[in-house]
Structures are given as structure tokens and as C-alpha cells.
Amino acid sequence: MVSKKLRINNCPVILSDRSEAQGVEGSAVTLRIALNTAVAKRYPCVARGLKKPGQAFTEVQVKKGSVQFAKVPYQKLKAKQKELFNFQKIAALLADYGYNCIKLADDWQGADFLAYHIDGETTLKVQLKSRLTINKKYRGNGKDIWIAFSHQHEWYVVEHDDLIEKVAMHTVWLSSDSWKIKGEYSSTSINPKLLASLEESKRGPVYGADFFEDQERAHPAKST
């Protein structure tokens, strides 16, 4: 009797001469595995999802190799994974403008990442946000923080102090308790005049999924 060991659903399974490959399609091999009741009881994770765990044979697909290219739903990512996901997206966009982006482990001088230009002279300190955001801790004193955020499936990258000036001109946000007391204000609701003033800061479309959809559900837009 010829046997071969492998793991399915992270459980050990022995393929004997009663098991046979049913076919190969792409990177997956469909195996017809002898799976009796005893095996199902000993390794329930093998039988998980089967319509008939005690049947004589079951068919499963085993991937050849470990490389996978399945798209990942953004909503299923953990918080840190979402942050890295969003960084990779904005970094790809800024590459079109000659910037090489480097993610920082912590908020160094208020920045989530640095964007180095190919001219060898220009470096942007960028805060990546899920919505238009202003904060007193990013203001003035030569901090030169830039805010990157998405709105209506478009990326915007704007210098923070310029953003405050536009907000002061086109909204009443600086009169809010959030700004006066907490020193910050953010919103997914941007009025037409403010949005028009940000046109020059629009950098390109948000590709793929709506990255910040779940964050917007958790934090509804504030009134302008």
C-alpha cells in the first residue's frame, strides 16, 4: 500500500491507494480522499464544512505551493493591516509624482510617513487620514505637515496650514467646540466652496475598494 502524508485545514491526513487525484486545474489539485467516520472524529477540522462528514470519500482542493493572489476585503483587515493597506495605496499614487514613500514606525515629528522626491531636495512629512482633518498639534512652528485623505473616491494631499486657511475661509469649523476645546476637527462632509478650493490638491483616484467605508460608518460626517 502506497501512502503519502499531507495537511488539510492544518490537520494531518494520510493519502493511501484508496485516494486518488481527480484532476488539476490552475494551481489547485482536487483530491478524492478516503475519509471514514474514525478519521472525521479524530480530525474534525478535516471534515469541517463537508455535507456528509462520514461519507466514504470527499473531495477537497489542495493548493500547490503557498503563493496566493486572492483579493483581500478591506473590512476584514485588522487596524494595523488597514493602516499599511492605505499607505501602500497612497504611496503608489505619489510614485507617479516622483515620490518614494517610507512608512514610519511612530509619528516622527507628526508624520505617518515620509515622501522623498526624486529631485533629492524635497521631503514631505505626511499624516494619512480617513477624512479631512485639522489639528492644532500639526500647526505652525515649522512643522510642515501635509495631510493625505480621501473624499468621494479621490485622494487629496494638502499642506496642513494651508488647509486650515481654506477651512477658515469656507466653513465655521474653527468656531466649533471641537476645535476650540479639543484642538481638532474632522469631517467627511465638505461643502462645495471648500471642495472647490481643494481642487488643486486633488492627486488622483482611490483605486480598488472604498478604503474608509467602515470608518465613515463608525464616525458619521459632521455638519459643515
Foldseek 3Di string as FASTA:
>chain_A
DDWDWDDDLNHIDIADPVKDWPDDDDQKTKIWGQQAPVNCVVCVSNQPPPPDNHDRTDIDIDGHDDDDDDDDDLVPDDPVVLVVVVVVQVQVLCVVVQWHKDADPDCDLNARIWTQHPVRPDIAREDEDAFDKAFPSCDDPPSQYWYWYDAPQWIFIGGRVVLVVLCVVPHCVCVDCCCVPVRMDTFNDDDPSSVVVRPVRTRGGRPDDSSCVVVCVVPPGDDD
